[in-house]
N, C-alpha and C. Protein backbone atom coordinates (compact mmCIF):
# COMPACT_ATOMS: atom_id res chain seq x y z
N GLN A 1 37.20 -9.15 18.19
CA GLN A 1 36.83 -8.37 16.98
C GLN A 1 35.75 -9.12 16.21
N ALA A 2 35.77 -10.34 16.14
CA ALA A 2 34.63 -11.23 15.47
C ALA A 2 33.43 -10.94 16.16
N GLU A 3 33.31 -10.86 17.56
CA GLU A 3 32.22 -10.60 18.29
C GLU A 3 31.62 -9.17 17.98
N GLU A 4 32.46 -8.31 17.95
CA GLU A 4 32.13 -6.89 17.61
C GLU A 4 31.40 -6.77 16.19
N GLU A 5 32.12 -7.43 15.36
CA GLU A 5 31.48 -7.42 13.93
C GLU A 5 30.11 -8.03 13.89
N LEU A 6 29.89 -9.19 14.56
CA LEU A 6 28.80 -9.80 14.71
C LEU A 6 27.56 -8.94 15.29
N GLN A 7 27.98 -8.29 16.38
CA GLN A 7 27.12 -7.32 17.01
C GLN A 7 26.65 -6.23 16.21
N GLU A 8 27.65 -5.60 15.42
CA GLU A 8 27.50 -4.63 14.55
C GLU A 8 26.58 -5.11 13.40
N ALA A 9 26.69 -6.31 12.87
CA ALA A 9 25.98 -6.77 11.86
C ALA A 9 24.46 -7.08 12.42
N CYS A 10 24.32 -7.61 13.54
CA CYS A 10 22.97 -7.74 14.24
C CYS A 10 22.27 -6.42 14.37
N ALA A 11 22.91 -5.34 14.71
CA ALA A 11 22.48 -4.04 15.12
C ALA A 11 21.86 -3.61 13.55
N ARG A 12 22.69 -3.72 12.44
CA ARG A 12 22.43 -3.40 11.07
C ARG A 12 21.08 -4.10 10.73
N GLN A 13 21.05 -5.41 10.98
CA GLN A 13 19.94 -6.21 10.52
C GLN A 13 18.68 -5.76 11.28
N ALA A 14 18.84 -5.42 12.58
CA ALA A 14 17.62 -4.94 13.29
C ALA A 14 17.12 -3.72 12.76
N LEU A 15 18.03 -2.75 12.40
CA LEU A 15 17.70 -1.45 11.83
C LEU A 15 16.95 -1.59 10.44
N GLN A 16 17.43 -2.56 9.67
CA GLN A 16 16.88 -2.78 8.44
C GLN A 16 15.42 -3.36 8.53
N LEU A 17 15.34 -4.32 9.53
CA LEU A 17 13.81 -4.81 9.96
C LEU A 17 12.95 -3.78 10.34
N GLN A 18 13.49 -2.80 11.08
CA GLN A 18 12.58 -1.68 11.71
C GLN A 18 12.19 -0.86 10.45
N GLU A 19 13.12 -0.48 9.42
CA GLU A 19 12.59 0.25 8.38
C GLU A 19 11.74 -0.52 7.40
N MET A 20 11.94 -1.80 7.15
CA MET A 20 11.10 -2.53 6.38
C MET A 20 9.73 -2.50 6.99
N GLY A 21 9.57 -2.55 8.33
CA GLY A 21 8.39 -2.47 9.04
C GLY A 21 7.61 -1.13 8.67
N ARG A 22 8.41 -0.11 8.78
CA ARG A 22 7.81 1.18 8.70
C ARG A 22 7.29 1.42 7.17
N ARG A 23 8.17 0.88 6.21
CA ARG A 23 7.66 1.12 4.87
C ARG A 23 6.46 0.12 4.67
N GLU A 24 6.38 -1.10 5.19
CA GLU A 24 5.15 -1.95 5.07
C GLU A 24 3.97 -1.21 5.55
N ARG A 25 4.20 -0.50 6.61
CA ARG A 25 2.93 0.29 7.19
C ARG A 25 2.52 1.38 6.24
N LEU A 26 3.61 1.96 5.80
CA LEU A 26 3.22 3.21 4.81
C LEU A 26 2.53 2.58 3.48
N LEU A 27 2.88 1.40 3.02
CA LEU A 27 2.34 0.87 1.96
C LEU A 27 0.92 0.50 2.29
N ARG A 28 0.65 -0.07 3.28
CA ARG A 28 -0.64 -0.45 3.58
C ARG A 28 -1.63 0.73 3.88
N ALA A 29 -0.99 1.77 4.49
CA ALA A 29 -1.85 3.07 4.54
C ALA A 29 -2.18 3.67 3.19
N ASP A 30 -1.12 3.60 2.35
CA ASP A 30 -1.35 4.15 1.00
C ASP A 30 -2.59 3.32 0.24
N ALA A 31 -2.25 2.03 0.50
CA ALA A 31 -3.42 1.31 -0.28
C ALA A 31 -4.84 1.55 0.31
N GLY A 32 -5.01 1.78 1.61
CA GLY A 32 -6.08 2.00 2.20
C GLY A 32 -6.78 3.42 1.85
N ARG A 33 -5.85 4.37 1.79
CA ARG A 33 -6.21 5.76 1.33
C ARG A 33 -6.65 5.69 -0.05
N ALA A 34 -6.09 4.90 -0.99
CA ALA A 34 -6.51 4.84 -2.37
C ALA A 34 -7.83 4.08 -2.53
N ARG A 35 -8.17 3.16 -1.77
CA ARG A 35 -9.50 2.58 -1.59
C ARG A 35 -10.51 3.51 -1.13
N GLU A 36 -10.29 4.34 -0.14
CA GLU A 36 -11.18 5.31 0.37
C GLU A 36 -11.46 6.41 -0.63
N GLN A 37 -10.53 6.84 -1.32
CA GLN A 37 -10.58 7.75 -2.51
C GLN A 37 -11.49 7.29 -3.57
N LEU A 38 -11.24 5.95 -3.97
CA LEU A 38 -12.03 5.45 -4.92
C LEU A 38 -13.63 5.41 -4.58
N GLU A 39 -13.79 4.89 -3.34
CA GLU A 39 -15.09 4.78 -2.80
C GLU A 39 -15.74 6.11 -2.82
N SER A 40 -15.12 7.13 -2.28
CA SER A 40 -15.53 8.62 -2.28
C SER A 40 -15.91 9.20 -3.53
N PHE A 41 -15.10 8.81 -4.60
CA PHE A 41 -15.35 9.21 -5.92
C PHE A 41 -16.53 8.58 -6.54
N LYS A 42 -16.63 7.33 -6.27
CA LYS A 42 -17.79 6.50 -6.71
C LYS A 42 -19.05 7.16 -6.18
N SER A 43 -19.12 7.58 -4.91
CA SER A 43 -20.21 8.14 -4.26
C SER A 43 -20.44 9.50 -4.97
N HIS A 44 -19.62 10.27 -5.16
CA HIS A 44 -19.79 11.55 -5.80
C HIS A 44 -20.30 11.32 -7.18
N VAL A 45 -19.84 10.50 -7.98
CA VAL A 45 -20.29 10.27 -9.28
C VAL A 45 -21.65 9.93 -9.27
N LEU A 46 -22.18 8.91 -8.38
CA LEU A 46 -23.52 8.46 -8.30
C LEU A 46 -24.31 9.56 -7.84
N GLN A 47 -23.98 10.37 -7.04
CA GLN A 47 -24.82 11.60 -6.58
C GLN A 47 -25.01 12.69 -7.82
N ALA A 48 -23.82 12.84 -8.59
CA ALA A 48 -23.84 13.73 -9.62
C ALA A 48 -24.76 13.18 -10.78
N CYS A 49 -24.88 11.90 -10.87
CA CYS A 49 -25.58 11.21 -12.13
C CYS A 49 -27.07 10.99 -11.75
N SER A 50 -27.47 11.09 -10.50
CA SER A 50 -28.74 10.77 -10.03
C SER A 50 -29.75 11.89 -10.31
N PRO A 51 -30.91 11.60 -10.63
CA PRO A 51 -31.91 12.50 -10.99
C PRO A 51 -32.07 13.48 -9.68
N ALA A 52 -32.12 12.97 -8.48
CA ALA A 52 -32.26 13.64 -7.19
C ALA A 52 -31.11 14.75 -7.16
N ALA A 53 -29.89 14.29 -7.45
CA ALA A 53 -28.75 15.23 -7.31
C ALA A 53 -28.80 16.36 -8.47
N ALA A 54 -29.46 16.09 -9.54
CA ALA A 54 -29.44 17.05 -10.66
C ALA A 54 -30.51 17.92 -10.30
N GLY A 55 -31.76 17.52 -9.58
CA GLY A 55 -32.75 18.46 -9.22
C GLY A 55 -32.17 19.41 -8.20
N VAL A 56 -31.41 19.11 -7.30
CA VAL A 56 -30.85 19.92 -6.18
C VAL A 56 -30.09 21.05 -6.96
N ALA A 57 -29.22 20.51 -7.98
CA ALA A 57 -28.33 21.37 -8.63
C ALA A 57 -29.07 22.33 -9.56
N GLY A 58 -30.43 22.08 -9.92
CA GLY A 58 -31.15 22.84 -10.73
C GLY A 58 -30.92 22.68 -12.18
N MET A 59 -30.29 21.67 -12.59
CA MET A 59 -30.13 21.21 -13.88
C MET A 59 -30.00 19.66 -14.15
N ALA A 60 -30.49 19.39 -15.42
CA ALA A 60 -30.60 17.97 -15.75
C ALA A 60 -29.14 17.48 -16.10
N VAL A 61 -28.96 16.20 -15.95
CA VAL A 61 -27.78 15.65 -16.21
C VAL A 61 -28.12 14.87 -17.53
N THR A 62 -27.24 15.07 -18.45
CA THR A 62 -27.46 14.57 -19.90
C THR A 62 -26.83 13.23 -19.83
N GLU A 63 -27.26 12.42 -20.87
CA GLU A 63 -26.91 11.04 -21.16
C GLU A 63 -25.35 11.02 -21.42
N GLN A 64 -24.81 12.02 -22.18
CA GLN A 64 -23.45 12.05 -22.52
C GLN A 64 -22.71 12.37 -21.12
N GLN A 65 -23.16 13.08 -20.25
CA GLN A 65 -22.40 13.35 -19.00
C GLN A 65 -22.42 12.04 -18.10
N VAL A 66 -23.47 11.33 -18.17
CA VAL A 66 -23.52 10.11 -17.42
C VAL A 66 -22.55 9.18 -17.90
N ILE A 67 -22.42 8.95 -19.25
CA ILE A 67 -21.52 8.08 -19.92
C ILE A 67 -20.06 8.38 -19.73
N GLU A 68 -19.62 9.77 -19.74
CA GLU A 68 -18.45 10.26 -19.56
C GLU A 68 -17.99 9.92 -17.97
N LYS A 69 -18.96 10.10 -17.14
CA LYS A 69 -18.66 9.97 -15.64
C LYS A 69 -18.38 8.34 -15.43
N VAL A 70 -19.23 7.49 -16.01
CA VAL A 70 -19.02 6.14 -16.07
C VAL A 70 -17.87 5.73 -16.48
N ARG A 71 -17.28 6.24 -17.66
CA ARG A 71 -16.16 5.82 -18.37
C ARG A 71 -15.02 6.42 -17.46
N GLN A 72 -15.11 7.57 -16.94
CA GLN A 72 -14.08 8.12 -15.87
C GLN A 72 -13.96 7.16 -14.78
N ILE A 73 -15.02 6.75 -14.15
CA ILE A 73 -14.97 5.88 -13.08
C ILE A 73 -14.22 4.51 -13.40
N SER A 74 -14.78 3.89 -14.57
CA SER A 74 -14.14 2.80 -14.98
C SER A 74 -12.58 2.80 -15.14
N GLU A 75 -12.14 3.87 -15.74
CA GLU A 75 -10.56 4.04 -15.92
C GLU A 75 -9.96 4.25 -14.47
N GLU A 76 -10.55 5.01 -13.76
CA GLU A 76 -9.91 5.30 -12.46
C GLU A 76 -9.93 4.08 -11.50
N SER A 77 -11.08 3.25 -11.70
CA SER A 77 -11.13 2.02 -11.04
C SER A 77 -9.93 0.93 -11.52
N GLN A 78 -9.70 1.05 -12.83
CA GLN A 78 -8.67 0.17 -13.48
C GLN A 78 -7.38 0.45 -12.89
N GLN A 79 -7.01 1.89 -12.89
CA GLN A 79 -5.90 2.36 -12.46
C GLN A 79 -5.52 2.15 -10.99
N SER A 80 -6.64 2.25 -10.25
CA SER A 80 -6.56 1.84 -8.73
C SER A 80 -6.34 0.35 -8.55
N GLN A 81 -6.96 -0.48 -9.41
CA GLN A 81 -6.75 -1.91 -9.44
C GLN A 81 -5.25 -2.27 -9.70
N GLU A 82 -4.56 -1.57 -10.57
CA GLU A 82 -3.32 -1.80 -10.91
C GLU A 82 -2.38 -1.29 -9.98
N ARG A 83 -2.66 -0.18 -9.39
CA ARG A 83 -1.95 0.33 -8.28
C ARG A 83 -1.86 -0.54 -7.10
N GLU A 84 -2.95 -1.08 -6.81
CA GLU A 84 -3.24 -1.96 -5.62
C GLU A 84 -2.46 -3.24 -5.90
N LYS A 85 -2.44 -3.78 -7.18
CA LYS A 85 -1.76 -5.00 -7.40
C LYS A 85 -0.22 -4.69 -7.20
N CYS A 86 0.48 -3.54 -7.73
CA CYS A 86 1.75 -3.29 -7.59
C CYS A 86 2.10 -3.09 -6.13
N LEU A 87 1.08 -2.53 -5.41
CA LEU A 87 1.51 -2.39 -3.91
C LEU A 87 1.42 -3.75 -3.22
N GLN A 88 0.58 -4.59 -3.65
CA GLN A 88 0.49 -5.92 -3.14
C GLN A 88 1.72 -6.73 -3.47
N GLU A 89 2.24 -6.55 -4.68
CA GLU A 89 3.45 -7.19 -4.96
C GLU A 89 4.68 -6.75 -4.33
N GLU A 90 4.71 -5.35 -4.07
CA GLU A 90 5.78 -4.67 -3.20
C GLU A 90 5.81 -5.25 -1.93
N LEU A 91 4.48 -5.33 -1.26
CA LEU A 91 4.42 -5.77 0.03
C LEU A 91 4.95 -6.99 0.13
N SER A 92 4.46 -7.95 -0.75
CA SER A 92 4.92 -9.38 -0.66
C SER A 92 6.47 -9.51 -0.78
N SER A 93 6.97 -8.75 -1.65
CA SER A 93 8.40 -8.77 -1.69
C SER A 93 9.12 -8.33 -0.51
N ARG A 94 8.57 -7.23 0.10
CA ARG A 94 9.26 -6.77 1.39
C ARG A 94 9.13 -7.72 2.50
N LEU A 95 7.86 -8.49 2.52
CA LEU A 95 7.76 -9.49 3.53
C LEU A 95 8.67 -10.54 3.34
N SER A 96 8.96 -10.93 2.04
CA SER A 96 9.97 -12.06 1.85
C SER A 96 11.31 -11.65 2.42
N LYS A 97 11.70 -10.29 2.17
CA LYS A 97 12.95 -9.69 2.61
C LYS A 97 13.03 -9.68 3.98
N GLU A 98 11.94 -9.40 4.67
CA GLU A 98 11.85 -9.17 5.99
C GLU A 98 12.07 -10.57 6.66
N LYS A 99 11.48 -11.58 6.16
CA LYS A 99 11.64 -12.82 6.55
C LYS A 99 13.16 -13.21 6.52
N GLU A 100 13.71 -13.02 5.40
CA GLU A 100 15.19 -13.38 5.09
C GLU A 100 16.00 -12.64 6.21
N VAL A 101 15.81 -11.33 6.32
CA VAL A 101 16.61 -10.57 7.25
C VAL A 101 16.38 -11.13 8.66
N SER A 102 15.27 -11.40 9.06
CA SER A 102 14.88 -11.96 10.34
C SER A 102 15.78 -13.41 10.51
N GLU A 103 15.73 -14.20 9.55
CA GLU A 103 16.50 -15.40 9.59
C GLU A 103 18.00 -15.23 9.82
N ASN A 104 18.60 -14.18 9.08
CA ASN A 104 19.89 -13.88 9.11
C ASN A 104 20.24 -13.21 10.46
N VAL A 105 19.40 -12.60 11.09
CA VAL A 105 19.68 -12.08 12.52
C VAL A 105 19.58 -13.26 13.53
N GLU A 106 18.74 -14.26 13.22
CA GLU A 106 18.90 -15.42 14.19
C GLU A 106 20.08 -16.20 13.95
N VAL A 107 20.76 -16.24 12.66
CA VAL A 107 21.99 -16.95 12.52
C VAL A 107 23.05 -16.30 13.16
N PHE A 108 23.20 -14.76 13.06
CA PHE A 108 24.10 -13.98 13.73
C PHE A 108 24.06 -14.13 15.15
N LYS A 109 22.77 -14.15 15.60
CA LYS A 109 22.79 -14.41 17.21
C LYS A 109 23.18 -15.75 17.53
N LYS A 110 22.95 -16.65 16.86
CA LYS A 110 23.40 -18.04 17.26
C LYS A 110 25.12 -18.16 17.09
N SER A 111 25.54 -17.43 16.02
CA SER A 111 27.08 -17.40 15.93
C SER A 111 27.74 -16.67 17.09
N LEU A 112 26.97 -15.56 17.62
CA LEU A 112 27.38 -14.69 18.63
C LEU A 112 27.48 -15.49 19.86
N ARG A 113 26.35 -16.40 20.14
CA ARG A 113 26.36 -17.07 21.28
C ARG A 113 27.52 -18.20 21.45
N GLU A 114 27.66 -18.73 20.20
CA GLU A 114 28.74 -19.66 20.09
C GLU A 114 30.09 -19.20 20.36
N LEU A 115 30.35 -17.95 19.89
CA LEU A 115 31.60 -17.32 20.09
C LEU A 115 31.79 -16.96 21.63
N GLN A 116 30.73 -16.59 22.30
CA GLN A 116 30.78 -16.34 23.76
C GLN A 116 31.05 -17.54 24.53
């Protein structure tokens, strides 16, 4: 019975490790997409604020429009940095938990070998 309990515990730990790995990959993908979106937005703002882009659109960009775009970029950049920091902290926490779970699995395996 003890052997079965240890095997079940090992199986649960393995599933937890897999789930944590999946979540880590999702977090990394989210952070990458956020960076890409920020870079894309910056590119669009620069195009919108440049005289060449204004000429193509057939209208002049006012100083107030440029100031508002820059302010908007600054706010979104700050939000993106805060979100990235939160994601990094969550990732760090998950990595610590994953390490702990991995160590527990090793202890369970060792106990199982000793019982056998």
